[in-house]
Amino acid sequence: MAETSISCSVSQGFNFQKDSQEDVGHITALKIGDKEFAADLAVTDPENVSGDKVKVVGVMSGIFWNGGFAEGVNFSCQISVANKTEASVLTHSELSNTNVEFQFNAYKFDPVEKKYYKAFHANDTALEGIIEKTGDTLNIRVSEEAGYEVTNPGNYDLSLGVMPEEKEQSIHLAFSVQAKQAKGWGVQVG
């Protein structure tokens, strides 16, 4: 299995420059347990740089998936001050509901087509999973220190690992504007 690992530029994510070709990523929707995080950061859509800003939950610094059906997706993103408060409450609570729904888009630049494309994404569909655990520890962390790459708006790092629900879902990959594929994530049980 081939892994997918994309390091994203937080600076490019918040302050998109047309002449830069750095990888960019967004968490477009996130729900942990009963808490739905606000899409309260307005950023540029790399596939439509002259269009209206899009609202996202977080600007990614990185995303990783080992490529297996039953393996987790791990990501880090910068979230707003309001979402940082909500995430801090969750991390300091006894979470009886560790269900996660999330959507994401990670973009790369195609030097042949001379434009950005979605290189790793959920195809505008909520992926369903649970917070990954290491021993008894849930794989969710939120920084108490504000981000340093971009200081305005104030933002904080959220890291989350998500294991798939016991159902078949799809994760989408692309290697250029034209070369695309979908891979299964999650295994149907029963």
N, C-alpha and C. Protein backbone atom coordinates (compact mmCIF):
# COMPACT_ATOMS: atom_id res chain seq x y z
N MET A 1 0.83 -1.19 0.00
CA MET A 1 0.00 0.00 0.00
C MET A 1 0.87 1.25 0.00
N ALA A 2 0.51 2.18 -0.81
CA ALA A 2 1.25 3.44 -0.87
C ALA A 2 0.63 4.43 0.11
N GLU A 3 1.49 5.07 0.87
CA GLU A 3 1.00 6.08 1.80
C GLU A 3 0.81 7.41 1.08
N THR A 4 -0.02 8.24 1.66
CA THR A 4 -0.23 9.60 1.16
C THR A 4 0.12 10.55 2.29
N SER A 5 1.05 11.42 2.04
CA SER A 5 1.49 12.39 3.04
C SER A 5 1.71 13.72 2.33
N ILE A 6 0.98 14.73 2.77
CA ILE A 6 1.10 16.05 2.15
C ILE A 6 1.38 17.08 3.24
N SER A 7 2.49 17.79 3.09
CA SER A 7 2.82 18.90 3.98
C SER A 7 2.29 20.16 3.31
N CYS A 8 1.46 20.88 4.03
CA CYS A 8 0.81 22.06 3.46
C CYS A 8 1.38 23.34 4.04
N SER A 9 1.39 24.39 3.25
CA SER A 9 1.86 25.70 3.70
C SER A 9 0.71 26.44 4.38
N VAL A 10 0.86 26.69 5.67
CA VAL A 10 -0.15 27.45 6.41
C VAL A 10 -0.19 28.89 5.89
N SER A 11 0.98 29.45 5.62
CA SER A 11 1.04 30.82 5.12
C SER A 11 0.31 30.96 3.78
N GLN A 12 0.55 30.02 2.85
CA GLN A 12 -0.13 30.04 1.55
C GLN A 12 -1.63 29.79 1.74
N GLY A 13 -1.98 28.94 2.71
CA GLY A 13 -3.39 28.65 2.98
C GLY A 13 -4.17 29.86 3.42
N PHE A 14 -3.57 30.68 4.28
CA PHE A 14 -4.24 31.89 4.77
C PHE A 14 -4.09 33.07 3.80
N ASN A 15 -2.92 33.20 3.20
CA ASN A 15 -2.60 34.36 2.36
C ASN A 15 -2.19 33.88 0.98
N PHE A 16 -3.15 33.38 0.22
CA PHE A 16 -2.86 32.73 -1.06
C PHE A 16 -2.19 33.69 -2.04
N GLN A 17 -1.04 33.25 -2.57
CA GLN A 17 -0.31 34.03 -3.58
C GLN A 17 -0.37 33.26 -4.90
N LYS A 18 -0.86 33.90 -5.95
CA LYS A 18 -1.02 33.24 -7.24
C LYS A 18 0.30 32.74 -7.82
N ASP A 19 1.40 33.42 -7.51
CA ASP A 19 2.69 33.03 -8.09
C ASP A 19 3.43 31.99 -7.26
N SER A 20 2.85 31.57 -6.14
CA SER A 20 3.44 30.52 -5.32
C SER A 20 2.79 29.19 -5.69
N GLN A 21 3.53 28.12 -5.57
CA GLN A 21 3.00 26.81 -5.96
C GLN A 21 3.09 25.80 -4.82
N GLU A 22 3.01 26.29 -3.60
CA GLU A 22 3.10 25.41 -2.43
C GLU A 22 1.80 24.64 -2.23
N ASP A 23 1.92 23.43 -1.65
CA ASP A 23 0.73 22.64 -1.34
C ASP A 23 -0.11 23.35 -0.29
N VAL A 24 -1.44 23.23 -0.45
CA VAL A 24 -2.40 23.90 0.43
C VAL A 24 -3.47 22.89 0.82
N GLY A 25 -4.01 23.02 2.03
CA GLY A 25 -5.09 22.12 2.44
C GLY A 25 -6.07 22.79 3.38
N HIS A 26 -7.31 22.31 3.32
CA HIS A 26 -8.38 22.85 4.17
C HIS A 26 -9.19 21.71 4.80
N ILE A 27 -9.54 21.88 6.04
CA ILE A 27 -10.57 21.04 6.66
C ILE A 27 -11.86 21.83 6.43
N THR A 28 -12.74 21.30 5.59
CA THR A 28 -13.93 22.06 5.20
C THR A 28 -15.12 21.81 6.12
N ALA A 29 -15.10 20.69 6.85
CA ALA A 29 -16.16 20.40 7.82
C ALA A 29 -15.59 19.46 8.87
N LEU A 30 -16.02 19.65 10.12
CA LEU A 30 -15.55 18.80 11.21
C LEU A 30 -16.60 18.74 12.32
N LYS A 31 -16.94 17.52 12.69
CA LYS A 31 -17.84 17.29 13.81
C LYS A 31 -17.22 16.19 14.67
N ILE A 32 -17.06 16.47 15.95
CA ILE A 32 -16.53 15.50 16.90
C ILE A 32 -17.60 15.30 17.97
N GLY A 33 -18.08 14.05 18.09
CA GLY A 33 -19.19 13.79 19.00
C GLY A 33 -20.39 14.60 18.55
N ASP A 34 -20.96 15.40 19.45
CA ASP A 34 -22.10 16.24 19.11
C ASP A 34 -21.68 17.66 18.72
N LYS A 35 -20.36 17.94 18.77
CA LYS A 35 -19.87 19.30 18.52
C LYS A 35 -19.49 19.50 17.06
N GLU A 36 -20.25 20.37 16.38
CA GLU A 36 -19.92 20.73 15.01
C GLU A 36 -19.10 22.02 15.03
N PHE A 37 -17.92 21.96 14.47
CA PHE A 37 -17.04 23.12 14.47
C PHE A 37 -17.45 24.09 13.37
N ALA A 38 -17.33 25.37 13.67
CA ALA A 38 -17.74 26.41 12.72
C ALA A 38 -16.74 26.54 11.59
N ALA A 39 -17.24 26.68 10.37
CA ALA A 39 -16.40 27.03 9.21
C ALA A 39 -16.32 28.55 9.22
N ASP A 40 -15.35 29.06 9.99
CA ASP A 40 -15.30 30.51 10.25
C ASP A 40 -14.02 31.19 9.74
N LEU A 41 -13.24 30.48 8.94
CA LEU A 41 -12.06 31.08 8.33
C LEU A 41 -12.32 31.23 6.83
N ALA A 42 -12.18 32.45 6.31
CA ALA A 42 -12.41 32.71 4.88
C ALA A 42 -11.07 32.67 4.16
N VAL A 43 -10.95 31.72 3.21
CA VAL A 43 -9.69 31.52 2.48
C VAL A 43 -9.95 31.42 0.98
N THR A 44 -8.88 31.49 0.21
CA THR A 44 -8.97 31.38 -1.25
C THR A 44 -9.07 29.92 -1.66
N ASP A 45 -9.95 29.63 -2.60
CA ASP A 45 -10.05 28.31 -3.21
C ASP A 45 -8.97 28.23 -4.29
N PRO A 46 -7.95 27.36 -4.13
CA PRO A 46 -6.86 27.31 -5.11
C PRO A 46 -7.31 26.96 -6.53
N GLU A 47 -8.47 26.31 -6.68
CA GLU A 47 -8.96 25.98 -8.01
C GLU A 47 -9.77 27.11 -8.63
N ASN A 48 -10.04 28.16 -7.84
CA ASN A 48 -10.82 29.30 -8.32
C ASN A 48 -10.33 30.57 -7.61
N VAL A 49 -9.09 30.96 -7.92
CA VAL A 49 -8.45 32.04 -7.17
C VAL A 49 -9.12 33.40 -7.34
N SER A 50 -9.84 33.60 -8.43
CA SER A 50 -10.50 34.89 -8.63
C SER A 50 -11.94 34.88 -8.10
N GLY A 51 -12.40 33.74 -7.61
CA GLY A 51 -13.76 33.63 -7.08
C GLY A 51 -13.86 34.11 -5.65
N ASP A 52 -15.05 33.97 -5.09
CA ASP A 52 -15.28 34.35 -3.70
C ASP A 52 -14.47 33.47 -2.76
N LYS A 53 -14.17 34.01 -1.60
CA LYS A 53 -13.49 33.22 -0.57
C LYS A 53 -14.41 32.08 -0.14
N VAL A 54 -13.81 30.99 0.32
CA VAL A 54 -14.58 29.86 0.85
C VAL A 54 -14.37 29.80 2.35
N LYS A 55 -15.38 29.33 3.05
CA LYS A 55 -15.31 29.21 4.51
C LYS A 55 -14.86 27.80 4.88
N VAL A 56 -13.85 27.71 5.74
CA VAL A 56 -13.31 26.43 6.17
C VAL A 56 -13.18 26.40 7.70
N VAL A 57 -13.10 25.19 8.23
CA VAL A 57 -12.88 25.02 9.68
C VAL A 57 -11.41 25.24 10.01
N GLY A 58 -10.53 24.74 9.14
CA GLY A 58 -9.11 24.85 9.42
C GLY A 58 -8.26 24.90 8.17
N VAL A 59 -7.08 25.51 8.31
CA VAL A 59 -6.07 25.55 7.25
C VAL A 59 -5.03 24.51 7.63
N MET A 60 -4.87 23.48 6.79
CA MET A 60 -4.01 22.35 7.13
C MET A 60 -2.52 22.69 7.05
N SER A 61 -1.78 22.08 7.99
CA SER A 61 -0.31 22.09 7.90
C SER A 61 0.17 20.73 7.40
N GLY A 62 -0.68 19.71 7.51
CA GLY A 62 -0.30 18.41 6.99
C GLY A 62 -1.40 17.38 7.15
N ILE A 63 -1.33 16.34 6.30
CA ILE A 63 -2.30 15.24 6.37
C ILE A 63 -1.57 13.97 5.94
N PHE A 64 -1.90 12.85 6.61
CA PHE A 64 -1.21 11.59 6.37
C PHE A 64 -2.19 10.43 6.43
N TRP A 65 -2.03 9.49 5.49
CA TRP A 65 -2.80 8.24 5.49
C TRP A 65 -1.88 7.14 4.99
N ASN A 66 -1.81 6.03 5.73
CA ASN A 66 -0.94 4.92 5.35
C ASN A 66 -1.46 4.17 4.13
N GLY A 67 -2.72 4.39 3.75
CA GLY A 67 -3.26 3.81 2.52
C GLY A 67 -4.13 2.59 2.71
N GLY A 68 -4.23 2.07 3.93
CA GLY A 68 -5.01 0.86 4.17
C GLY A 68 -6.47 1.15 4.47
N PHE A 69 -7.32 0.16 4.15
CA PHE A 69 -8.76 0.29 4.41
C PHE A 69 -9.06 0.61 5.87
N ALA A 70 -8.30 -0.01 6.77
CA ALA A 70 -8.60 0.11 8.20
C ALA A 70 -7.59 1.00 8.93
N GLU A 71 -6.91 1.86 8.18
CA GLU A 71 -5.92 2.73 8.80
C GLU A 71 -6.43 4.16 8.89
N GLY A 72 -5.99 4.84 9.92
CA GLY A 72 -6.47 6.18 10.20
C GLY A 72 -5.91 7.24 9.28
N VAL A 73 -6.66 8.33 9.20
CA VAL A 73 -6.20 9.56 8.55
C VAL A 73 -5.84 10.51 9.68
N ASN A 74 -4.63 11.04 9.64
CA ASN A 74 -4.15 11.98 10.65
C ASN A 74 -3.90 13.33 9.99
N PHE A 75 -4.38 14.39 10.63
CA PHE A 75 -4.13 15.72 10.08
C PHE A 75 -3.89 16.73 11.18
N SER A 76 -3.23 17.80 10.81
CA SER A 76 -3.03 18.96 11.67
C SER A 76 -3.51 20.17 10.90
N CYS A 77 -4.20 21.06 11.59
CA CYS A 77 -4.68 22.27 10.94
C CYS A 77 -4.72 23.41 11.95
N GLN A 78 -4.73 24.61 11.41
CA GLN A 78 -4.86 25.82 12.23
C GLN A 78 -6.33 26.21 12.27
N ILE A 79 -6.87 26.36 13.49
CA ILE A 79 -8.28 26.70 13.66
C ILE A 79 -8.41 28.05 14.34
N SER A 80 -9.61 28.62 14.29
CA SER A 80 -9.87 29.93 14.88
C SER A 80 -9.82 29.87 16.41
N VAL A 81 -9.79 31.04 17.02
CA VAL A 81 -9.80 31.14 18.48
C VAL A 81 -11.08 30.50 19.04
N ALA A 82 -12.23 30.76 18.40
CA ALA A 82 -13.51 30.19 18.89
C ALA A 82 -13.48 28.66 18.80
N ASN A 83 -12.99 28.11 17.69
CA ASN A 83 -12.92 26.65 17.56
C ASN A 83 -11.87 26.05 18.49
N LYS A 84 -10.80 26.81 18.77
CA LYS A 84 -9.79 26.34 19.73
C LYS A 84 -10.43 26.16 21.10
N THR A 85 -11.29 27.10 21.50
CA THR A 85 -11.97 26.99 22.79
C THR A 85 -12.82 25.73 22.83
N GLU A 86 -13.58 25.48 21.76
CA GLU A 86 -14.42 24.27 21.69
C GLU A 86 -13.58 23.00 21.74
N ALA A 87 -12.46 22.99 21.02
CA ALA A 87 -11.59 21.82 21.00
C ALA A 87 -10.95 21.59 22.38
N SER A 88 -10.59 22.68 23.06
CA SER A 88 -10.00 22.55 24.39
C SER A 88 -11.00 21.94 25.37
N VAL A 89 -12.26 22.36 25.28
CA VAL A 89 -13.30 21.77 26.14
C VAL A 89 -13.39 20.27 25.88
N LEU A 90 -13.37 19.86 24.61
CA LEU A 90 -13.45 18.43 24.27
C LEU A 90 -12.26 17.66 24.83
N THR A 91 -11.05 18.20 24.67
CA THR A 91 -9.87 17.46 25.10
C THR A 91 -9.77 17.34 26.62
N HIS A 92 -10.47 18.20 27.34
CA HIS A 92 -10.46 18.14 28.81
C HIS A 92 -11.73 17.51 29.37
N SER A 93 -12.49 16.85 28.52
CA SER A 93 -13.73 16.20 28.94
C SER A 93 -13.60 14.69 28.80
N GLU A 94 -14.45 13.98 29.52
CA GLU A 94 -14.56 12.54 29.31
C GLU A 94 -15.45 12.36 28.09
N LEU A 95 -14.86 12.00 26.96
CA LEU A 95 -15.63 11.87 25.72
C LEU A 95 -16.30 10.50 25.65
N SER A 96 -17.60 10.49 25.81
CA SER A 96 -18.34 9.23 25.67
C SER A 96 -18.67 8.99 24.19
N ASN A 97 -18.69 10.06 23.40
CA ASN A 97 -18.98 9.96 21.98
C ASN A 97 -17.74 10.43 21.22
N THR A 98 -17.01 9.48 20.64
CA THR A 98 -15.78 9.82 19.91
C THR A 98 -15.98 9.75 18.40
N ASN A 99 -17.24 9.79 17.97
CA ASN A 99 -17.52 9.78 16.53
C ASN A 99 -16.99 11.07 15.89
N VAL A 100 -16.50 10.93 14.65
CA VAL A 100 -15.97 12.07 13.90
C VAL A 100 -16.57 12.04 12.50
N GLU A 101 -16.97 13.19 12.02
CA GLU A 101 -17.32 13.39 10.62
C GLU A 101 -16.44 14.55 10.13
N PHE A 102 -15.78 14.34 9.00
CA PHE A 102 -14.90 15.40 8.50
C PHE A 102 -14.82 15.37 6.99
N GLN A 103 -14.53 16.55 6.44
CA GLN A 103 -14.29 16.71 5.01
C GLN A 103 -13.01 17.51 4.86
N PHE A 104 -12.25 17.21 3.83
CA PHE A 104 -10.99 17.91 3.62
C PHE A 104 -10.65 17.96 2.14
N ASN A 105 -9.82 18.93 1.80
CA ASN A 105 -9.25 19.06 0.45
C ASN A 105 -7.79 19.44 0.60
N ALA A 106 -6.90 18.65 0.01
CA ALA A 106 -5.48 19.00 -0.05
C ALA A 106 -5.13 19.20 -1.52
N TYR A 107 -4.51 20.33 -1.80
CA TYR A 107 -4.24 20.73 -3.19
C TYR A 107 -2.75 20.72 -3.51
N LYS A 108 -2.43 20.32 -4.73
CA LYS A 108 -1.08 20.41 -5.26
C LYS A 108 -1.16 21.19 -6.58
N PHE A 109 0.00 21.68 -7.02
CA PHE A 109 0.06 22.43 -8.28
C PHE A 109 0.54 21.51 -9.39
N ASP A 110 -0.15 21.51 -10.52
CA ASP A 110 0.23 20.72 -11.69
C ASP A 110 1.05 21.62 -12.61
N PRO A 111 2.37 21.37 -12.74
CA PRO A 111 3.22 22.25 -13.56
C PRO A 111 2.93 22.16 -15.06
N VAL A 112 2.34 21.06 -15.51
CA VAL A 112 2.01 20.93 -16.93
C VAL A 112 0.75 21.74 -17.25
N GLU A 113 -0.31 21.54 -16.44
CA GLU A 113 -1.57 22.26 -16.66
C GLU A 113 -1.51 23.70 -16.11
N LYS A 114 -0.50 23.95 -15.27
CA LYS A 114 -0.30 25.27 -14.66
C LYS A 114 -1.50 25.71 -13.81
N LYS A 115 -2.00 24.76 -13.01
CA LYS A 115 -3.08 25.09 -12.09
C LYS A 115 -3.12 24.08 -10.95
N TYR A 116 -3.80 24.49 -9.88
CA TYR A 116 -3.97 23.62 -8.72
C TYR A 116 -5.04 22.57 -8.99
N TYR A 117 -4.92 21.43 -8.30
CA TYR A 117 -5.92 20.37 -8.35
C TYR A 117 -6.03 19.73 -6.97
N LYS A 118 -7.16 19.08 -6.70
CA LYS A 118 -7.33 18.36 -5.43
C LYS A 118 -6.55 17.06 -5.51
N ALA A 119 -5.48 16.96 -4.71
CA ALA A 119 -4.60 15.79 -4.74
C ALA A 119 -5.04 14.72 -3.75
N PHE A 120 -5.74 15.11 -2.70
CA PHE A 120 -6.17 14.19 -1.65
C PHE A 120 -7.39 14.83 -1.02
N HIS A 121 -8.55 14.13 -1.12
CA HIS A 121 -9.77 14.78 -0.66
C HIS A 121 -10.88 13.77 -0.40
N ALA A 122 -11.98 14.28 0.16
CA ALA A 122 -13.14 13.46 0.52
C ALA A 122 -14.26 13.57 -0.51
N ASN A 123 -14.00 14.26 -1.62
CA ASN A 123 -14.99 14.42 -2.69
C ASN A 123 -16.29 15.07 -2.19
N ASP A 124 -16.14 16.09 -1.35
CA ASP A 124 -17.29 16.84 -0.79
C ASP A 124 -18.28 15.93 -0.05
N THR A 125 -17.77 14.84 0.51
CA THR A 125 -18.60 13.90 1.27
C THR A 125 -18.00 13.77 2.66
N ALA A 126 -18.84 13.74 3.67
CA ALA A 126 -18.34 13.57 5.04
C ALA A 126 -17.85 12.15 5.24
N LEU A 127 -16.59 12.02 5.63
CA LEU A 127 -16.05 10.72 6.02
C LEU A 127 -16.39 10.51 7.49
N GLU A 128 -16.76 9.28 7.82
CA GLU A 128 -17.18 8.97 9.19
C GLU A 128 -16.19 8.04 9.85
N GLY A 129 -15.83 8.38 11.08
CA GLY A 129 -14.89 7.55 11.82
C GLY A 129 -15.01 7.80 13.31
N ILE A 130 -13.99 7.36 14.01
CA ILE A 130 -13.89 7.60 15.45
C ILE A 130 -12.47 8.11 15.73
N ILE A 131 -12.32 8.82 16.85
CA ILE A 131 -11.00 9.33 17.20
C ILE A 131 -10.07 8.14 17.45
N GLU A 132 -8.92 8.18 16.80
CA GLU A 132 -7.91 7.14 16.95
C GLU A 132 -7.39 7.13 18.39
N LYS A 133 -7.08 5.93 18.87
CA LYS A 133 -6.54 5.79 20.23
C LYS A 133 -5.16 5.16 20.19
N THR A 134 -4.29 5.62 21.06
CA THR A 134 -3.01 5.00 21.31
C THR A 134 -3.04 4.57 22.77
N GLY A 135 -3.22 3.27 23.00
CA GLY A 135 -3.45 2.79 24.36
C GLY A 135 -4.78 3.34 24.84
N ASP A 136 -4.76 4.08 25.95
CA ASP A 136 -5.97 4.70 26.48
C ASP A 136 -6.10 6.17 26.08
N THR A 137 -5.15 6.66 25.29
CA THR A 137 -5.11 8.08 24.96
C THR A 137 -5.72 8.34 23.59
N LEU A 138 -6.68 9.27 23.55
CA LEU A 138 -7.28 9.68 22.28
C LEU A 138 -6.30 10.56 21.52
N ASN A 139 -6.22 10.36 20.21
CA ASN A 139 -5.31 11.12 19.36
C ASN A 139 -5.97 12.42 18.91
N ILE A 140 -6.13 13.33 19.87
CA ILE A 140 -6.63 14.68 19.59
C ILE A 140 -5.87 15.64 20.50
N ARG A 141 -5.29 16.67 19.88
CA ARG A 141 -4.54 17.65 20.64
C ARG A 141 -4.84 19.04 20.09
N VAL A 142 -4.88 20.01 20.99
CA VAL A 142 -5.01 21.40 20.55
C VAL A 142 -3.95 22.21 21.29
N SER A 143 -3.26 23.07 20.57
CA SER A 143 -2.19 23.87 21.13
C SER A 143 -2.76 24.99 22.01
N GLU A 144 -2.07 25.27 23.07
CA GLU A 144 -2.43 26.41 23.92
C GLU A 144 -1.73 27.69 23.43
N GLU A 145 -0.74 27.50 22.56
CA GLU A 145 0.02 28.63 22.02
C GLU A 145 -0.50 28.97 20.63
N ALA A 146 -0.65 30.26 20.37
CA ALA A 146 -1.13 30.70 19.05
C ALA A 146 -0.11 30.34 17.97
N GLY A 147 -0.62 30.15 16.74
CA GLY A 147 0.24 29.84 15.61
C GLY A 147 1.21 30.97 15.33
N TYR A 148 2.40 30.61 14.84
CA TYR A 148 3.44 31.61 14.58
C TYR A 148 3.60 31.92 13.09
N GLU A 149 3.15 31.01 12.20
CA GLU A 149 3.33 31.25 10.76
C GLU A 149 2.45 32.39 10.27
N VAL A 150 1.23 32.43 10.79
CA VAL A 150 0.28 33.50 10.49
C VAL A 150 -0.24 33.99 11.83
N THR A 151 -0.11 35.29 12.09
CA THR A 151 -0.52 35.80 13.40
C THR A 151 -1.89 36.45 13.39
N ASN A 152 -2.38 36.82 12.20
CA ASN A 152 -3.69 37.43 12.10
C ASN A 152 -4.42 36.83 10.91
N PRO A 153 -5.55 36.16 11.12
CA PRO A 153 -6.28 36.04 12.38
C PRO A 153 -5.58 35.08 13.34
N GLY A 154 -5.87 35.27 14.63
CA GLY A 154 -5.33 34.36 15.64
C GLY A 154 -5.75 32.94 15.31
N ASN A 155 -4.82 31.98 15.43
CA ASN A 155 -5.12 30.60 15.09
C ASN A 155 -4.30 29.65 15.95
N TYR A 156 -4.83 28.44 16.12
CA TYR A 156 -4.23 27.44 17.00
C TYR A 156 -4.20 26.09 16.30
N ASP A 157 -3.16 25.31 16.59
CA ASP A 157 -3.00 24.00 15.95
C ASP A 157 -3.92 22.96 16.59
N LEU A 158 -4.66 22.27 15.74
CA LEU A 158 -5.47 21.12 16.13
C LEU A 158 -4.93 19.91 15.39
N SER A 159 -4.59 18.85 16.11
CA SER A 159 -4.15 17.59 15.51
C SER A 159 -5.16 16.52 15.86
N LEU A 160 -5.53 15.71 14.86
CA LEU A 160 -6.55 14.69 15.07
C LEU A 160 -6.25 13.47 14.21
N GLY A 161 -6.41 12.30 14.81
CA GLY A 161 -6.32 11.05 14.09
C GLY A 161 -7.71 10.42 14.05
N VAL A 162 -8.14 9.96 12.87
CA VAL A 162 -9.49 9.41 12.72
C VAL A 162 -9.40 8.02 12.11
N MET A 163 -9.93 7.03 12.83
CA MET A 163 -10.04 5.66 12.32
C MET A 163 -11.39 5.54 11.62
N PRO A 164 -11.48 4.76 10.52
CA PRO A 164 -12.75 4.67 9.78
C PRO A 164 -13.83 3.91 10.53
N GLU A 165 -15.08 4.32 10.28
CA GLU A 165 -16.24 3.55 10.76
C GLU A 165 -16.25 2.20 10.05
N GLU A 166 -17.04 1.28 10.57
CA GLU A 166 -17.12 -0.06 9.98
C GLU A 166 -18.08 -0.04 8.80
N LYS A 167 -17.72 0.71 7.77
CA LYS A 167 -18.49 0.77 6.53
C LYS A 167 -17.57 1.22 5.42
N GLU A 168 -17.95 0.89 4.19
CA GLU A 168 -17.11 1.26 3.05
C GLU A 168 -17.32 2.73 2.70
N GLN A 169 -16.20 3.44 2.59
CA GLN A 169 -16.19 4.85 2.20
C GLN A 169 -15.08 5.03 1.18
N SER A 170 -14.98 6.20 0.60
CA SER A 170 -13.95 6.44 -0.41
C SER A 170 -13.14 7.68 -0.09
N ILE A 171 -11.85 7.55 -0.33
CA ILE A 171 -10.93 8.68 -0.28
C ILE A 171 -10.41 8.86 -1.71
N HIS A 172 -10.31 10.10 -2.14
CA HIS A 172 -9.93 10.38 -3.52
C HIS A 172 -8.51 10.94 -3.59
N LEU A 173 -7.78 10.45 -4.58
CA LEU A 173 -6.39 10.86 -4.80
C LEU A 173 -6.24 11.32 -6.25
N ALA A 174 -5.30 12.22 -6.47
CA ALA A 174 -4.96 12.63 -7.83
C ALA A 174 -3.46 12.91 -7.86
N PHE A 175 -2.88 12.71 -9.02
CA PHE A 175 -1.44 12.87 -9.18
C PHE A 175 -1.11 13.97 -10.19
N SER A 176 -2.17 14.47 -10.82
CA SER A 176 -2.12 15.63 -11.71
C SER A 176 -3.58 16.05 -11.92
N VAL A 177 -3.80 17.06 -12.73
CA VAL A 177 -5.18 17.48 -13.03
C VAL A 177 -5.95 16.32 -13.65
N GLN A 178 -5.27 15.50 -14.47
CA GLN A 178 -5.93 14.42 -15.20
C GLN A 178 -5.90 13.06 -14.49
N ALA A 179 -4.83 12.73 -13.80
CA ALA A 179 -4.64 11.39 -13.21
C ALA A 179 -5.29 11.31 -11.83
N LYS A 180 -6.45 10.62 -11.77
CA LYS A 180 -7.23 10.57 -10.53
C LYS A 180 -7.65 9.14 -10.23
N GLN A 181 -7.87 8.86 -8.94
CA GLN A 181 -8.41 7.56 -8.53
C GLN A 181 -9.07 7.68 -7.16
N ALA A 182 -9.91 6.70 -6.85
CA ALA A 182 -10.54 6.61 -5.53
C ALA A 182 -10.07 5.32 -4.88
N LYS A 183 -9.87 5.39 -3.56
CA LYS A 183 -9.47 4.20 -2.81
C LYS A 183 -10.46 4.00 -1.66
N GLY A 184 -10.67 2.76 -1.30
CA GLY A 184 -11.57 2.45 -0.21
C GLY A 184 -10.99 2.81 1.14
N TRP A 185 -11.87 3.24 2.03
CA TRP A 185 -11.50 3.55 3.42
C TRP A 185 -12.62 3.00 4.29
N GLY A 186 -12.28 2.11 5.20
CA GLY A 186 -13.29 1.47 6.03
C GLY A 186 -13.69 0.12 5.45
N VAL A 187 -14.10 -0.78 6.32
CA VAL A 187 -14.49 -2.13 5.93
C VAL A 187 -15.89 -2.39 6.44
N GLN A 188 -16.75 -2.84 5.54
CA GLN A 188 -18.13 -3.19 5.91
C GLN A 188 -18.10 -4.41 6.81
N VAL A 189 -18.79 -4.36 7.95
CA VAL A 189 -18.85 -5.48 8.88
C VAL A 189 -20.29 -5.96 8.97
N GLY A 190 -20.46 -7.30 8.97
CA GLY A 190 -21.81 -7.85 9.15
C GLY A 190 -22.56 -8.06 7.86
